[in-house]
Amino acid sequence: MAEITKTTVKTTALPDNIFAVEVNNHELLKLAYDSYLANSRQSSAVTLKRGEVSGGGKKPWKQKGTGRARFGSSRNPIWRGGGVAFGPTGNENHTKRLSKTSKRVAIRQALTLANIANKVVVLDFKTTGKTSEAAKFLTDNKFDRKVLMVVDEKTPEILRATNNVQSILLVSANYLNVYHILNADKIVFSTKSVAVISKWLTEGEK
């Protein structure tokens, strides 16, 4: 059986500089959200240029006397089956850069919005590595939708227990991002992860 220790944490117990900041820049949240999607995008689309399409070596018809426009190759982009002009090559760079400071501010704002919406809870989940224990954890706490589980360290036991549970997304505190926060229906922090993320997001501040 899973050993579940509930830690009651009131809103005031969470660091105010992380979970209760002023959210006055929704554009920054959108930039951070779009940046995650763009940086996850792969350039897998490739089209053939005029010189890469097979065939078309013979002139379709003679230059003069047919009454039609002159043409040199059926590989021309305006012909059906011809090459593609300015198509994707597979080398496109879709990444969007966001400064480290901006990312951290956006994460704080996202966590604040989640906290206001009562999506943030602090629970310690201890397991021997069984999927049934993770399922019981969800049932006992009435988590029936997307759960973002934030831990200070991904142990082999927690990984085994949550890997096959579709409604749980396990992340380390240092790799938390705006995309996962905004898409989660519930965010479960372990007790130690709160301290880790607090230290990470305030690093370098006086």
C-alpha atoms as a PDB file:
ATOM      1  CA  MET A   1       0.000   0.000   0.000  1.00  0.00           C
ATOM      2  CA  ALA A   2       1.141   3.535  -0.676  1.00  0.00           C
ATOM      3  CA  GLU A   3       2.213   5.484   2.322  1.00  0.00           C
ATOM      4  CA  ILE A   4       0.636   8.890   1.836  1.00  0.00           C
ATOM      5  CA  THR A   5       1.504  11.707   4.195  1.00  0.00           C
ATOM      6  CA  LYS A   6      -0.721  14.729   3.862  1.00  0.00           C
ATOM      7  CA  THR A   7       0.901  18.013   4.748  1.00  0.00           C
ATOM      8  CA  THR A   8      -1.586  20.777   5.430  1.00  0.00           C
ATOM      9  CA  VAL A   9      -0.229  23.971   3.963  1.00  0.00           C
ATOM     10  CA  LYS A  10      -2.320  27.111   3.989  1.00  0.00           C
ATOM     11  CA  THR A  11      -1.977  29.717   1.279  1.00  0.00           C
ATOM     12  CA  THR A  12      -0.008  31.914   3.683  1.00  0.00           C
ATOM     13  CA  ALA A  13       2.497  29.089   4.234  1.00  0.00           C
ATOM     14  CA  LEU A  14       3.584  29.212   0.588  1.00  0.00           C
ATOM     15  CA  PRO A  15       6.275  31.789  -0.210  1.00  0.00           C
ATOM     16  CA  ASP A  16       4.548  35.031  -1.181  1.00  0.00           C
ATOM     17  CA  ASN A  17       7.371  35.966  -3.546  1.00  0.00           C
ATOM     18  CA  ILE A  18       6.611  32.824  -5.569  1.00  0.00           C
ATOM     19  CA  PHE A  19       2.902  32.073  -5.156  1.00  0.00           C
ATOM     20  CA  ALA A  20       1.462  35.547  -4.504  1.00  0.00           C
ATOM     21  CA  VAL A  21       3.140  37.990  -6.867  1.00  0.00           C
ATOM     22  CA  GLU A  22       1.445  40.748  -8.839  1.00  0.00           C
ATOM     23  CA  VAL A  23       0.348  39.481 -12.247  1.00  0.00           C
ATOM     24  CA  ASN A  24       0.368  42.580 -14.434  1.00  0.00           C
ATOM     25  CA  ASN A  25       1.950  41.248 -17.606  1.00  0.00           C
ATOM     26  CA  HIS A  26      -0.111  38.564 -19.302  1.00  0.00           C
ATOM     27  CA  GLU A  27       1.884  39.109 -22.486  1.00  0.00           C
ATOM     28  CA  LEU A  28       4.947  37.688 -20.726  1.00  0.00           C
ATOM     29  CA  LEU A  29       2.977  34.548 -19.839  1.00  0.00           C
ATOM     30  CA  LYS A  30       1.992  34.122 -23.473  1.00  0.00           C
ATOM     31  CA  LEU A  31       5.598  34.612 -24.615  1.00  0.00           C
ATOM     32  CA  ALA A  32       6.806  31.956 -22.155  1.00  0.00           C
ATOM     33  CA  TYR A  33       3.988  29.601 -23.211  1.00  0.00           C
ATOM     34  CA  ASP A  34       4.713  30.051 -26.927  1.00  0.00           C
ATOM     35  CA  SER A  35       8.452  29.765 -26.297  1.00  0.00           C
ATOM     36  CA  TYR A  36       8.024  26.294 -24.769  1.00  0.00           C
ATOM     37  CA  LEU A  37       5.965  25.116 -27.746  1.00  0.00           C
ATOM     38  CA  ALA A  38       8.353  26.623 -30.282  1.00  0.00           C
ATOM     39  CA  ASN A  39      11.420  25.111 -28.611  1.00  0.00           C
ATOM     40  CA  SER A  40       9.729  21.696 -28.616  1.00  0.00           C
ATOM     41  CA  ARG A  41       8.939  21.902 -32.306  1.00  0.00           C
ATOM     42  CA  GLN A  42      10.871  19.693 -34.712  1.00  0.00           C
ATOM     43  CA  SER A  43      11.691  20.672 -38.288  1.00  0.00           C
ATOM     44  CA  SER A  44      10.523  17.427 -39.859  1.00  0.00           C
ATOM     45  CA  ALA A  45       8.696  18.868 -42.893  1.00  0.00           C
ATOM     46  CA  VAL A  46      10.740  18.723 -46.115  1.00  0.00           C
ATOM     47  CA  THR A  47       9.692  19.481 -49.689  1.00  0.00           C
ATOM     48  CA  LEU A  48      11.505  18.909 -52.981  1.00  0.00           C
ATOM     49  CA  LYS A  49      12.842  21.857 -54.901  1.00  0.00           C
ATOM     50  CA  ARG A  50      12.738  22.120 -58.674  1.00  0.00           C
ATOM     51  CA  GLY A  51      16.155  20.521 -59.041  1.00  0.00           C
ATOM     52  CA  GLU A  52      15.280  17.611 -56.736  1.00  0.00           C
ATOM     53  CA  VAL A  53      12.108  16.392 -58.449  1.00  0.00           C
ATOM     54  CA  SER A  54      12.625  13.346 -60.654  1.00  0.00           C
ATOM     55  CA  GLY A  55      11.896  13.527 -64.396  1.00  0.00           C
ATOM     56  CA  GLY A  56      11.375  16.661 -66.409  1.00  0.00           C
ATOM     57  CA  GLY A  57      14.547  16.299 -68.405  1.00  0.00           C
ATOM     58  CA  LYS A  58      12.761  16.562 -71.746  1.00  0.00           C
ATOM     59  CA  LYS A  59      11.264  19.808 -72.955  1.00  0.00           C
ATOM     60  CA  PRO A  60       7.430  19.383 -72.796  1.00  0.00           C
ATOM     61  CA  TRP A  61       6.919  20.769 -76.314  1.00  0.00           C
ATOM     62  CA  LYS A  62       8.933  22.599 -78.904  1.00  0.00           C
ATOM     63  CA  GLN A  63       9.749  26.236 -78.354  1.00  0.00           C
ATOM     64  CA  LYS A  64       7.690  27.671 -81.234  1.00  0.00           C
ATOM     65  CA  GLY A  65       4.749  26.831 -83.409  1.00  0.00           C
ATOM     66  CA  THR A  66       2.367  25.267 -80.872  1.00  0.00           C
ATOM     67  CA  GLY A  67       0.555  28.438 -79.878  1.00  0.00           C
ATOM     68  CA  ARG A  68       1.272  27.696 -76.244  1.00  0.00           C
ATOM     69  CA  ALA A  69       3.644  29.471 -73.902  1.00  0.00           C
ATOM     70  CA  ARG A  70       7.228  28.297 -74.062  1.00  0.00           C
ATOM     71  CA  PHE A  71       8.235  25.864 -71.357  1.00  0.00           C
ATOM     72  CA  GLY A  72      11.485  24.110 -70.550  1.00  0.00           C
ATOM     73  CA  SER A  73      10.688  21.596 -67.807  1.00  0.00           C
ATOM     74  CA  SER A  74       7.722  19.960 -66.127  1.00  0.00           C
ATOM     75  CA  ARG A  75       9.605  20.266 -62.835  1.00  0.00           C
ATOM     76  CA  ASN A  76       8.722  23.970 -62.738  1.00  0.00           C
ATOM     77  CA  PRO A  77       6.891  24.889 -59.473  1.00  0.00           C
ATOM     78  CA  ILE A  78       3.796  26.094 -61.344  1.00  0.00           C
ATOM     79  CA  TRP A  79       3.260  22.617 -62.803  1.00  0.00           C
ATOM     80  CA  ARG A  80       1.436  19.903 -60.902  1.00  0.00           C
ATOM     81  CA  GLY A  81       4.036  17.437 -59.650  1.00  0.00           C
ATOM     82  CA  GLY A  82       6.783  20.004 -59.996  1.00  0.00           C
ATOM     83  CA  GLY A  83       9.100  21.315 -57.310  1.00  0.00           C
ATOM     84  CA  VAL A  84       7.977  23.513 -54.424  1.00  0.00           C
ATOM     85  CA  ALA A  85       9.198  27.087 -54.330  1.00  0.00           C
ATOM     86  CA  PHE A  86      10.389  28.311 -50.908  1.00  0.00           C
ATOM     87  CA  GLY A  87       9.161  25.166 -49.143  1.00  0.00           C
ATOM     88  CA  PRO A  88      10.512  23.815 -45.831  1.00  0.00           C
ATOM     89  CA  THR A  89      13.971  22.269 -45.982  1.00  0.00           C
ATOM     90  CA  GLY A  90      14.127  20.593 -42.586  1.00  0.00           C
ATOM     91  CA  ASN A  91      16.743  23.064 -41.355  1.00  0.00           C
ATOM     92  CA  GLU A  92      14.346  25.702 -40.012  1.00  0.00           C
ATOM     93  CA  ASN A  93      15.030  27.044 -36.537  1.00  0.00           C
ATOM     94  CA  HIS A  94      11.775  27.623 -34.656  1.00  0.00           C
ATOM     95  CA  THR A  95      13.296  28.378 -31.249  1.00  0.00           C
ATOM     96  CA  LYS A  96      12.254  31.475 -29.355  1.00  0.00           C
ATOM     97  CA  ARG A  97      14.628  32.892 -26.814  1.00  0.00           C
ATOM     98  CA  LEU A  98      13.450  34.276 -23.498  1.00  0.00           C
ATOM     99  CA  SER A  99      15.830  35.632 -20.883  1.00  0.00           C
ATOM    100  CA  LYS A 100      16.368  33.653 -17.681  1.00  0.00           C
ATOM    101  CA  THR A 101      14.894  36.487 -15.606  1.00  0.00           C
ATOM    102  CA  SER A 102      11.782  36.697 -17.807  1.00  0.00           C
ATOM    103  CA  LYS A 103      11.245  32.931 -17.588  1.00  0.00           C
ATOM    104  CA  ARG A 104      11.376  33.005 -13.807  1.00  0.00           C
ATOM    105  CA  VAL A 105       9.002  35.972 -13.578  1.00  0.00           C
ATOM    106  CA  ALA A 106       6.571  34.166 -15.904  1.00  0.00           C
ATOM    107  CA  ILE A 107       6.731  30.997 -13.771  1.00  0.00           C
ATOM    108  CA  ARG A 108       5.991  33.006 -10.639  1.00  0.00           C
ATOM    109  CA  GLN A 109       3.007  34.623 -12.322  1.00  0.00           C
ATOM    110  CA  ALA A 110       1.723  31.259 -13.542  1.00  0.00           C
ATOM    111  CA  LEU A 111       2.080  29.749 -10.056  1.00  0.00           C
ATOM    112  CA  THR A 112       0.281  32.750  -8.573  1.00  0.00           C
ATOM    113  CA  LEU A 113      -2.645  32.321 -10.953  1.00  0.00           C
ATOM    114  CA  ALA A 114      -2.749  28.600 -10.158  1.00  0.00           C
ATOM    115  CA  ASN A 115      -2.711  29.353  -6.440  1.00  0.00           C
ATOM    116  CA  ILE A 116      -5.532  31.882  -6.786  1.00  0.00           C
ATOM    117  CA  ALA A 117      -7.549  29.229  -8.642  1.00  0.00           C
ATOM    118  CA  ASN A 118      -6.925  26.765  -5.760  1.00  0.00           C
ATOM    119  CA  LYS A 119      -4.996  24.405  -7.994  1.00  0.00           C
ATOM    120  CA  VAL A 120      -1.904  24.225  -5.756  1.00  0.00           C
ATOM    121  CA  VAL A 121      -1.632  21.629  -3.004  1.00  0.00           C
ATOM    122  CA  VAL A 122       1.292  20.283  -1.001  1.00  0.00           C
ATOM    123  CA  LEU A 123       1.310  16.527  -0.507  1.00  0.00           C
ATOM    124  CA  ASP A 124       4.084  14.023   0.062  1.00  0.00           C
ATOM    125  CA  PHE A 125       3.713  10.870  -2.010  1.00  0.00           C
ATOM    126  CA  LYS A 126       5.829   7.933  -0.908  1.00  0.00           C
ATOM    127  CA  THR A 127       5.718   4.744  -2.920  1.00  0.00           C
ATOM    128  CA  THR A 128       7.467   1.438  -3.439  1.00  0.00           C
ATOM    129  CA  GLY A 129       7.183   1.877  -7.200  1.00  0.00           C
ATOM    130  CA  LYS A 130       3.781   0.310  -7.929  1.00  0.00           C
ATOM    131  CA  THR A 131       1.397   1.929 -10.404  1.00  0.00           C
ATOM    132  CA  SER A 132      -1.530   0.925  -8.199  1.00  0.00           C
ATOM    133  CA  GLU A 133      -0.129   3.145  -5.461  1.00  0.00           C
ATOM    134  CA  ALA A 134      -0.128   6.167  -7.759  1.00  0.00           C
ATOM    135  CA  ALA A 135      -3.696   5.352  -8.829  1.00  0.00           C
ATOM    136  CA  LYS A 136      -4.760   5.103  -5.197  1.00  0.00           C
ATOM    137  CA  PHE A 137      -3.059   8.435  -4.486  1.00  0.00           C
ATOM    138  CA  LEU A 138      -5.234  10.068  -7.156  1.00  0.00           C
ATOM    139  CA  THR A 139      -8.409   8.379  -5.943  1.00  0.00           C
ATOM    140  CA  ASP A 140      -7.864   9.174  -2.264  1.00  0.00           C
ATOM    141  CA  ASN A 141      -7.281  12.856  -3.008  1.00  0.00           C
ATOM    142  CA  LYS A 142      -9.999  13.061  -5.679  1.00  0.00           C
ATOM    143  CA  PHE A 143      -7.611  14.085  -8.450  1.00  0.00           C
ATOM    144  CA  ASP A 144      -9.479  12.968 -11.550  1.00  0.00           C
ATOM    145  CA  ARG A 145      -7.939  15.164 -14.256  1.00  0.00           C
ATOM    146  CA  LYS A 146      -4.487  16.432 -15.290  1.00  0.00           C
ATOM    147  CA  VAL A 147      -2.161  16.377 -12.295  1.00  0.00           C
ATOM    148  CA  LEU A 148       1.244  18.046 -12.386  1.00  0.00           C
ATOM    149  CA  MET A 149       3.367  16.387  -9.698  1.00  0.00           C
ATOM    150  CA  VAL A 150       6.397  18.460  -8.719  1.00  0.00           C
ATOM    151  CA  VAL A 151       9.150  16.729  -6.743  1.00  0.00           C
ATOM    152  CA  ASP A 152      12.590  17.765  -5.559  1.00  0.00           C
ATOM    153  CA  GLU A 153      14.099  14.613  -7.092  1.00  0.00           C
ATOM    154  CA  LYS A 154      12.784  11.953  -9.468  1.00  0.00           C
ATOM    155  CA  THR A 155      13.493   8.736  -7.615  1.00  0.00           C
ATOM    156  CA  PRO A 156      13.292   5.372  -9.454  1.00  0.00           C
ATOM    157  CA  GLU A 157      10.308   4.398  -7.303  1.00  0.00           C
ATOM    158  CA  ILE A 158       8.271   7.509  -8.153  1.00  0.00           C
ATOM    159  CA  LEU A 159       9.156   7.175 -11.830  1.00  0.00           C
ATOM    160  CA  ARG A 160       7.972   3.547 -11.936  1.00  0.00           C
ATOM    161  CA  ALA A 161       4.771   4.369 -10.070  1.00  0.00           C
ATOM    162  CA  THR A 162       3.746   7.312 -12.272  1.00  0.00           C
ATOM    163  CA  ASN A 163       5.100   6.408 -15.720  1.00  0.00           C
ATOM    164  CA  ASN A 164       1.982   4.466 -16.749  1.00  0.00           C
ATOM    165  CA  VAL A 165      -0.556   6.854 -15.217  1.00  0.00           C
ATOM    166  CA  GLN A 166      -1.693   9.127 -18.045  1.00  0.00           C
ATOM    167  CA  SER A 167      -3.212  11.793 -15.820  1.00  0.00           C
ATOM    168  CA  ILE A 168       0.072  12.389 -13.934  1.00  0.00           C
ATOM    169  CA  LEU A 169       2.941  14.447 -15.301  1.00  0.00           C
ATOM    170  CA  LEU A 170       6.024  14.171 -13.093  1.00  0.00           C
ATOM    171  CA  VAL A 171       8.552  17.026 -13.182  1.00  0.00           C
ATOM    172  CA  SER A 172      11.528  18.086 -11.099  1.00  0.00           C
ATOM    173  CA  ALA A 173      11.134  21.456  -9.387  1.00  0.00           C
ATOM    174  CA  ASN A 174      14.069  22.946 -11.314  1.00  0.00           C
ATOM    175  CA  TYR A 175      12.416  22.092 -14.651  1.00  0.00           C
ATOM    176  CA  LEU A 176       8.998  23.585 -13.984  1.00  0.00           C
ATOM    177  CA  ASN A 177       7.652  25.678 -16.869  1.00  0.00           C
ATOM    178  CA  VAL A 178       4.708  27.924 -17.693  1.00  0.00           C
ATOM    179  CA  TYR A 179       3.215  25.522 -20.258  1.00  0.00           C
ATOM    180  CA  HIS A 180       2.776  22.658 -17.774  1.00  0.00           C
ATOM    181  CA  ILE A 181       1.562  24.961 -14.995  1.00  0.00           C
ATOM    182  CA  LEU A 182      -1.168  26.580 -17.082  1.00  0.00           C
ATOM    183  CA  ASN A 183      -2.352  23.252 -18.532  1.00  0.00           C
ATOM    184  CA  ALA A 184      -2.582  21.417 -15.212  1.00  0.00           C
ATOM    185  CA  ASP A 185      -5.880  20.986 -13.385  1.00  0.00           C
ATOM    186  CA  LYS A 186      -4.037  20.329 -10.128  1.00  0.00           C
ATOM    187  CA  ILE A 187      -0.425  21.003  -9.134  1.00  0.00           C
ATOM    188  CA  VAL A 188       0.910  18.776  -6.362  1.00  0.00           C
ATOM    189  CA  PHE A 189       4.137  19.938  -4.727  1.00  0.00           C
ATOM    190  CA  SER A 190       6.106  17.741  -2.412  1.00  0.00           C
ATOM    191  CA  THR A 191       7.187  19.470   0.796  1.00  0.00           C
ATOM    192  CA  LYS A 192      10.841  19.581  -0.253  1.00  0.00           C
ATOM    193  CA  SER A 193      10.078  20.768  -3.775  1.00  0.00           C
ATOM    194  CA  VAL A 194       8.587  24.021  -2.442  1.00  0.00           C
ATOM    195  CA  ALA A 195      11.949  24.927  -0.923  1.00  0.00           C
ATOM    196  CA  VAL A 196      13.791  23.882  -4.094  1.00  0.00           C
ATOM    197  CA  ILE A 197      11.660  25.971  -6.424  1.00  0.00           C
ATOM    198  CA  SER A 198      11.767  28.916  -4.028  1.00  0.00           C
ATOM    199  CA  LYS A 199      15.552  28.831  -4.050  1.00  0.00           C
ATOM    200  CA  TRP A 200      15.688  28.387  -7.842  1.00  0.00           C
ATOM    201  CA  LEU A 201      13.335  31.264  -8.670  1.00  0.00           C
ATOM    202  CA  THR A 202      14.976  33.693  -6.239  1.00  0.00           C
ATOM    203  CA  GLU A 203      18.551  32.812  -7.138  1.00  0.00           C
ATOM    204  CA  GLY A 204      20.663  35.918  -7.624  1.00  0.00           C
ATOM    205  CA  GLU A 205      18.193  38.244  -5.929  1.00  0.00           C
ATOM    206  CA  LYS A 206      19.300  40.447  -3.099  1.00  0.00           C
END
